PDB file of N, CA and C in Angstrom:
ATOM      1  N   THR A   1      -3.138  17.429 -23.026  1.00  0.00           N
ATOM      2  CA  THR A   1      -3.441  18.678 -22.352  1.00  0.00           C
ATOM      3  C   THR A   1      -2.405  19.747 -22.691  1.00  0.00           C
ATOM      4  N   ASP A   2      -1.131  19.363 -22.640  1.00  0.00           N
ATOM      5  CA  ASP A   2      -0.078  20.349 -22.896  1.00  0.00           C
ATOM      6  C   ASP A   2      -0.191  20.952 -24.291  1.00  0.00           C
ATOM      7  N   ILE A   3      -0.501  20.112 -25.272  1.00  0.00           N
ATOM      8  CA  ILE A   3      -0.609  20.630 -26.648  1.00  0.00           C
ATOM      9  C   ILE A   3      -1.802  21.569 -26.764  1.00  0.00           C
ATOM     10  N   ARG A   4      -2.906  21.236 -26.094  1.00  0.00           N
ATOM     11  CA  ARG A   4      -4.070  22.131 -26.133  1.00  0.00           C
ATOM     12  C   ARG A   4      -3.740  23.466 -25.476  1.00  0.00           C
ATOM     13  N   VAL A   5      -3.007  23.447 -24.368  1.00  0.00           N
ATOM     14  CA  VAL A   5      -2.602  24.699 -23.709  1.00  0.00           C
ATOM     15  C   VAL A   5      -1.693  25.491 -24.639  1.00  0.00           C
ATOM     16  N   TYR A   6      -0.700  24.825 -25.216  1.00  0.00           N
ATOM     17  CA  TYR A   6       0.265  25.477 -26.100  1.00  0.00           C
ATOM     18  C   TYR A   6      -0.430  26.136 -27.288  1.00  0.00           C
ATOM     19  N   ARG A   7      -1.420  25.451 -27.836  1.00  0.00           N
ATOM     20  CA  ARG A   7      -2.125  25.980 -29.004  1.00  0.00           C
ATOM     21  C   ARG A   7      -3.256  26.929 -28.638  1.00  0.00           C
ATOM     22  N   GLY A   8      -3.455  27.175 -27.333  1.00  0.00           N
ATOM     23  CA  GLY A   8      -4.464  28.131 -26.898  1.00  0.00           C
ATOM     24  C   GLY A   8      -5.881  27.593 -26.859  1.00  0.00           C
ATOM     25  N   ARG A   9      -6.043  26.282 -26.961  1.00  0.00           N
ATOM     26  CA  ARG A   9      -7.380  25.699 -26.949  1.00  0.00           C
ATOM     27  C   ARG A   9      -7.847  25.330 -25.556  1.00  0.00           C
ATOM     28  N   LYS A  10      -6.947  25.316 -24.581  1.00  0.00           N
ATOM     29  CA  LYS A  10      -7.321  25.098 -23.187  1.00  0.00           C
ATOM     30  C   LYS A  10      -6.741  26.241 -22.386  1.00  0.00           C
ATOM     31  N   ILE A  11      -7.610  27.069 -21.856  1.00  0.00           N
ATOM     32  CA  ILE A  11      -7.124  28.208 -21.077  1.00  0.00           C
ATOM     33  C   ILE A  11      -7.676  28.203 -19.655  1.00  0.00           C
ATOM     34  N   LYS A  12      -8.769  27.484 -19.413  1.00  0.00           N
ATOM     35  CA  LYS A  12      -9.361  27.446 -18.076  1.00  0.00           C
ATOM     36  C   LYS A  12      -8.377  26.823 -17.089  1.00  0.00           C
ATOM     37  N   GLY A  13      -8.084  27.533 -16.028  1.00  0.00           N
ATOM     38  CA  GLY A  13      -7.185  27.049 -14.991  1.00  0.00           C
ATOM     39  C   GLY A  13      -5.711  27.206 -15.285  1.00  0.00           C
ATOM     40  N   VAL A  14      -5.362  27.776 -16.433  1.00  0.00           N
ATOM     41  CA  VAL A  14      -3.953  27.947 -16.803  1.00  0.00           C
ATOM     42  C   VAL A  14      -3.523  29.367 -16.481  1.00  0.00           C
ATOM     43  N   ARG A  15      -2.463  29.472 -15.690  1.00  0.00           N
ATOM     44  CA  ARG A  15      -1.896  30.788 -15.379  1.00  0.00           C
ATOM     45  C   ARG A  15      -0.569  30.924 -16.097  1.00  0.00           C
ATOM     46  N   ARG A  16      -0.333  32.064 -16.675  1.00  0.00           N
ATOM     47  CA  ARG A  16       0.912  32.302 -17.396  1.00  0.00           C
ATOM     48  C   ARG A  16       1.831  33.176 -16.555  1.00  0.00           C
ATOM     49  N   PRO A  17       3.115  32.997 -16.577  1.00  0.00           N
ATOM     50  CA  PRO A  17       3.806  31.922 -17.279  1.00  0.00           C
ATOM     51  C   PRO A  17       3.551  30.589 -16.576  1.00  0.00           C
ATOM     52  N   SER A  18       3.657  29.508 -17.318  1.00  0.00           N
ATOM     53  CA  SER A  18       3.376  28.188 -16.779  1.00  0.00           C
ATOM     54  C   SER A  18       4.341  27.177 -17.388  1.00  0.00           C
ATOM     55  N   VAL A  19       4.799  26.256 -16.573  1.00  0.00           N
ATOM     56  CA  VAL A  19       5.629  25.163 -17.062  1.00  0.00           C
ATOM     57  C   VAL A  19       4.689  24.040 -17.447  1.00  0.00           C
ATOM     58  N   LEU A  20       4.741  23.630 -18.703  1.00  0.00           N
ATOM     59  CA  LEU A  20       3.858  22.561 -19.156  1.00  0.00           C
ATOM     60  C   LEU A  20       4.410  21.205 -18.732  1.00  0.00           C
ATOM     61  N   GLY A  21       3.513  20.252 -18.640  1.00  0.00           N
ATOM     62  CA  GLY A  21       3.909  18.896 -18.289  1.00  0.00           C
ATOM     63  C   GLY A  21       3.383  18.498 -16.930  1.00  0.00           C
ATOM     64  N   HIS A  22       2.539  17.491 -16.888  1.00  0.00           N
ATOM     65  CA  HIS A  22       2.028  17.040 -15.610  1.00  0.00           C
ATOM     66  C   HIS A  22       2.224  15.545 -15.414  1.00  0.00           C
ATOM     67  N   GLU A  23       2.741  14.868 -16.404  1.00  0.00           N
ATOM     68  CA  GLU A  23       3.221  13.514 -16.232  1.00  0.00           C
ATOM     69  C   GLU A  23       4.731  13.574 -16.410  1.00  0.00           C
ATOM     70  N   PHE A  24       5.431  12.885 -15.572  1.00  0.00           N
ATOM     71  CA  PHE A  24       6.881  12.989 -15.661  1.00  0.00           C
ATOM     72  C   PHE A  24       7.531  11.675 -15.238  1.00  0.00           C
ATOM     73  N   ALA A  25       8.792  11.533 -15.586  1.00  0.00           N
ATOM     74  CA  ALA A  25       9.543  10.330 -15.261  1.00  0.00           C
ATOM     75  C   ALA A  25      10.953  10.721 -14.864  1.00  0.00           C
ATOM     76  N   GLY A  26      11.646   9.819 -14.204  1.00  0.00           N
ATOM     77  CA  GLY A  26      13.004  10.107 -13.789  1.00  0.00           C
ATOM     78  C   GLY A  26      13.682   8.884 -13.211  1.00  0.00           C
ATOM     79  N   VAL A  27      14.838   9.117 -12.638  1.00  0.00           N
ATOM     80  CA  VAL A  27      15.625   8.070 -11.997  1.00  0.00           C
ATOM     81  C   VAL A  27      15.881   8.513 -10.559  1.00  0.00           C
ATOM     82  N   ILE A  28      15.648   7.632  -9.608  1.00  0.00           N
ATOM     83  CA  ILE A  28      15.887   7.950  -8.196  1.00  0.00           C
ATOM     84  C   ILE A  28      17.388   8.130  -7.979  1.00  0.00           C
ATOM     85  N   VAL A  29      17.768   9.297  -7.455  1.00  0.00           N
ATOM     86  CA  VAL A  29      19.185   9.544  -7.175  1.00  0.00           C
ATOM     87  C   VAL A  29      19.488   9.457  -5.680  1.00  0.00           C
ATOM     88  N   GLU A  30      18.456   9.579  -4.866  1.00  0.00           N
ATOM     89  CA  GLU A  30      18.648   9.485  -3.417  1.00  0.00           C
ATOM     90  C   GLU A  30      17.300   9.166  -2.800  1.00  0.00           C
ATOM     91  N   THR A  31      17.280   8.356  -1.770  1.00  0.00           N
ATOM     92  CA  THR A  31      16.022   8.022  -1.104  1.00  0.00           C
ATOM     93  C   THR A  31      16.069   8.460   0.342  1.00  0.00           C
ATOM     94  N   GLY A  32      14.897   8.588   0.884  1.00  0.00           N
ATOM     95  CA  GLY A  32      14.783   8.878   2.314  1.00  0.00           C
ATOM     96  C   GLY A  32      14.375   7.637   3.076  1.00  0.00           C
ATOM     97  N   GLY A  33      14.487   6.477   2.415  1.00  0.00           N
ATOM     98  CA  GLY A  33      14.137   5.225   3.072  1.00  0.00           C
ATOM     99  C   GLY A  33      12.644   4.952   3.080  1.00  0.00           C
ATOM    100  N   HIS A  34      11.904   5.566   2.159  1.00  0.00           N
ATOM    101  CA  HIS A  34      10.456   5.394   2.128  1.00  0.00           C
ATOM    102  C   HIS A  34      10.007   4.703   0.847  1.00  0.00           C
ATOM    103  N   GLY A  35       8.918   3.992   0.897  1.00  0.00           N
ATOM    104  CA  GLY A  35       8.250   3.482  -0.280  1.00  0.00           C
ATOM    105  C   GLY A  35       8.921   2.348  -1.023  1.00  0.00           C
ATOM    106  N   GLY A  36       9.993   1.818  -0.526  1.00  0.00           N
ATOM    107  CA  GLY A  36      10.629   0.684  -1.181  1.00  0.00           C
ATOM    108  C   GLY A  36      11.411   1.032  -2.436  1.00  0.00           C
ATOM    109  N   PHE A  37      11.696   2.304  -2.660  1.00  0.00           N
ATOM    110  CA  PHE A  37      12.491   2.698  -3.821  1.00  0.00           C
ATOM    111  C   PHE A  37      13.967   2.611  -3.488  1.00  0.00           C
ATOM    112  N   ARG A  38      14.772   2.372  -4.544  1.00  0.00           N
ATOM    113  CA  ARG A  38      16.221   2.315  -4.367  1.00  0.00           C
ATOM    114  C   ARG A  38      16.884   3.275  -5.338  1.00  0.00           C
ATOM    115  N   THR A  39      18.065   3.726  -4.994  1.00  0.00           N
ATOM    116  CA  THR A  39      18.840   4.565  -5.901  1.00  0.00           C
ATOM    117  C   THR A  39      19.007   3.832  -7.227  1.00  0.00           C
ATOM    118  N   GLY A  40      18.736   4.543  -8.330  1.00  0.00           N
ATOM    119  CA  GLY A  40      18.843   3.952  -9.658  1.00  0.00           C
ATOM    120  C   GLY A  40      17.527   3.439 -10.218  1.00  0.00           C
ATOM    121  N   ASP A  41      16.515   3.323  -9.367  1.00  0.00           N
ATOM    122  CA  ASP A  41      15.200   2.887  -9.862  1.00  0.00           C
ATOM    123  C   ASP A  41      14.650   3.911 -10.850  1.00  0.00           C
ATOM    124  N   HIS A  42      14.055   3.421 -11.935  1.00  0.00           N
ATOM    125  CA  HIS A  42      13.365   4.272 -12.898  1.00  0.00           C
ATOM    126  C   HIS A  42      11.914   4.398 -12.442  1.00  0.00           C
ATOM    127  N   VAL A  43      11.392   5.617 -12.465  1.00  0.00           N
ATOM    128  CA  VAL A  43      10.025   5.853 -11.993  1.00  0.00           C
ATOM    129  C   VAL A  43       9.265   6.745 -12.967  1.00  0.00           C
ATOM    130  N   ALA A  44       7.965   6.589 -12.970  1.00  0.00           N
ATOM    131  CA  ALA A  44       7.075   7.459 -13.735  1.00  0.00           C
ATOM    132  C   ALA A  44       5.930   7.837 -12.820  1.00  0.00           C
ATOM    133  N   VAL A  45       5.458   9.050 -12.953  1.00  0.00           N
ATOM    134  CA  VAL A  45       4.417   9.547 -12.064  1.00  0.00           C
ATOM    135  C   VAL A  45       3.251  10.075 -12.882  1.00  0.00           C
ATOM    136  N   CYS A  46       2.071   9.670 -12.500  1.00  0.00           N
ATOM    137  CA  CYS A  46       0.840  10.256 -13.019  1.00  0.00           C
ATOM    138  C   CYS A  46       0.152  10.867 -11.808  1.00  0.00           C
ATOM    139  N   PRO A  47       0.108  12.177 -11.713  1.00  0.00           N
ATOM    140  CA  PRO A  47      -0.389  12.823 -10.493  1.00  0.00           C
ATOM    141  C   PRO A  47      -1.910  12.876 -10.391  1.00  0.00           C
ATOM    142  N   ALA A  48      -2.560  11.751 -10.589  1.00  0.00           N
ATOM    143  CA  ALA A  48      -4.006  11.662 -10.448  1.00  0.00           C
ATOM    144  C   ALA A  48      -4.304  10.463  -9.556  1.00  0.00           C
ATOM    145  N   LEU A  49      -5.240  10.636  -8.658  1.00  0.00           N
ATOM    146  CA  LEU A  49      -5.558   9.578  -7.709  1.00  0.00           C
ATOM    147  C   LEU A  49      -6.928   8.981  -7.997  1.00  0.00           C
ATOM    148  N   PRO A  50      -6.995   7.690  -8.298  1.00  0.00           N
ATOM    149  CA  PRO A  50      -8.291   7.056  -8.486  1.00  0.00           C
ATOM    150  C   PRO A  50      -8.974   6.863  -7.133  1.00  0.00           C
ATOM    151  N   CYS A  51     -10.291   6.780  -7.151  1.00  0.00           N
ATOM    152  CA  CYS A  51     -11.037   6.650  -5.891  1.00  0.00           C
ATOM    153  C   CYS A  51     -10.906   5.265  -5.273  1.00  0.00           C
ATOM    154  N   GLY A  52     -10.693   4.232  -6.116  1.00  0.00           N
ATOM    155  CA  GLY A  52     -10.558   2.878  -5.607  1.00  0.00           C
ATOM    156  C   GLY A  52     -11.878   2.199  -5.285  1.00  0.00           C
ATOM    157  N   GLN A  53     -13.004   2.886  -5.529  1.00  0.00           N
ATOM    158  CA  GLN A  53     -14.299   2.326  -5.153  1.00  0.00           C
ATOM    159  C   GLN A  53     -15.292   2.221  -6.296  1.00  0.00           C
ATOM    160  N   CYS A  54     -15.098   2.959  -7.365  1.00  0.00           N
ATOM    161  CA  CYS A  54     -16.065   2.934  -8.463  1.00  0.00           C
ATOM    162  C   CYS A  54     -15.901   1.652  -9.285  1.00  0.00           C
ATOM    163  N   ARG A  55     -16.822   1.419 -10.184  1.00  0.00           N
ATOM    164  CA  ARG A  55     -16.812   0.220 -11.031  1.00  0.00           C
ATOM    165  C   ARG A  55     -15.507   0.098 -11.804  1.00  0.00           C
ATOM    166  N   GLU A  56     -15.050   1.207 -12.389  1.00  0.00           N
ATOM    167  CA  GLU A  56     -13.834   1.172 -13.187  1.00  0.00           C
ATOM    168  C   GLU A  56     -12.620   0.789 -12.346  1.00  0.00           C
ATOM    169  N   CYS A  57     -12.514   1.332 -11.166  1.00  0.00           N
ATOM    170  CA  CYS A  57     -11.400   0.990 -10.274  1.00  0.00           C
ATOM    171  C   CYS A  57     -11.424  -0.495  -9.920  1.00  0.00           C
ATOM    172  N   HIS A  58     -12.604  -1.021  -9.629  1.00  0.00           N
ATOM    173  CA  HIS A  58     -12.717  -2.438  -9.281  1.00  0.00           C
ATOM    174  C   HIS A  58     -12.383  -3.347 -10.459  1.00  0.00           C
ATOM    175  N   LEU A  59     -12.536  -2.840 -11.674  1.00  0.00           N
ATOM    176  CA  LEU A  59     -12.186  -3.612 -12.862  1.00  0.00           C
ATOM    177  C   LEU A  59     -10.714  -3.453 -13.243  1.00  0.00           C
ATOM    178  N   GLY A  60      -9.971  -2.644 -12.481  1.00  0.00           N
ATOM    179  CA  GLY A  60      -8.558  -2.428 -12.772  1.00  0.00           C
ATOM    180  C   GLY A  60      -8.310  -1.340 -13.798  1.00  0.00           C
ATOM    181  N   ALA A  61      -9.327  -0.536 -14.082  1.00  0.00           N
ATOM    182  CA  ALA A  61      -9.212   0.533 -15.075  1.00  0.00           C
ATOM    183  C   ALA A  61      -9.177   1.884 -14.362  1.00  0.00           C
ATOM    184  N   GLU A  62      -8.232   2.036 -13.440  1.00  0.00           N
ATOM    185  CA  GLU A  62      -8.147   3.269 -12.649  1.00  0.00           C
ATOM    186  C   GLU A  62      -7.966   4.510 -13.512  1.00  0.00           C
ATOM    187  N   ASN A  63      -7.404   4.353 -14.705  1.00  0.00           N
ATOM    188  CA  ASN A  63      -7.173   5.505 -15.577  1.00  0.00           C
ATOM    189  C   ASN A  63      -8.461   6.143 -16.071  1.00  0.00           C
ATOM    190  N   ILE A  64      -9.590   5.430 -15.980  1.00  0.00           N
ATOM    191  CA  ILE A  64     -10.877   6.015 -16.361  1.00  0.00           C
ATOM    192  C   ILE A  64     -11.821   6.084 -15.159  1.00  0.00           C
ATOM    193  N   CYS A  65     -11.262   6.181 -13.977  1.00  0.00           N
ATOM    194  CA  CYS A  65     -12.047   6.332 -12.747  1.00  0.00           C
ATOM    195  C   CYS A  65     -13.027   7.484 -12.894  1.00  0.00           C
ATOM    196  N   GLN A  66     -14.261   7.252 -12.458  1.00  0.00           N
ATOM    197  CA  GLN A  66     -15.306   8.274 -12.586  1.00  0.00           C
ATOM    198  C   GLN A  66     -15.110   9.413 -11.582  1.00  0.00           C
ATOM    199  N   ARG A  67     -14.317   9.192 -10.557  1.00  0.00           N
ATOM    200  CA  ARG A  67     -14.091  10.232  -9.530  1.00  0.00           C
ATOM    201  C   ARG A  67     -12.606  10.545  -9.382  1.00  0.00           C
ATOM    202  N   LEU A  68     -11.888  10.509 -10.491  1.00  0.00           N
ATOM    203  CA  LEU A  68     -10.444  10.733 -10.497  1.00  0.00           C
ATOM    204  C   LEU A  68     -10.119  12.109  -9.907  1.00  0.00           C
ATOM    205  N   ILE A  69      -9.161  12.138  -9.005  1.00  0.00           N
ATOM    206  CA  ILE A  69      -8.704  13.392  -8.400  1.00  0.00           C
ATOM    207  C   ILE A  69      -7.418  13.780  -9.095  1.00  0.00           C
ATOM    208  N   ALA A  70      -7.474  14.849  -9.861  1.00  0.00           N
ATOM    209  CA  ALA A  70      -6.283  15.272 -10.621  1.00  0.00           C
ATOM    210  C   ALA A  70      -5.701  16.543 -10.055  1.00  0.00           C
TER     211      ALA A  70
END
């Protein structure tokens, strides 16, 4: 997606100026005591939520969920 935006091939929904990148990773530096994470844990985030009910989700293929919420 980012490359398409950069090259001007995806413009729908893009407002300029815009910071590209919607998948990201990092290292936990501090926790609020939630979610079982610890300082120093490496994490990666994909900000899309699978529905958990479609055929693909039941097969463990949440990345191709038919009702993915991005």
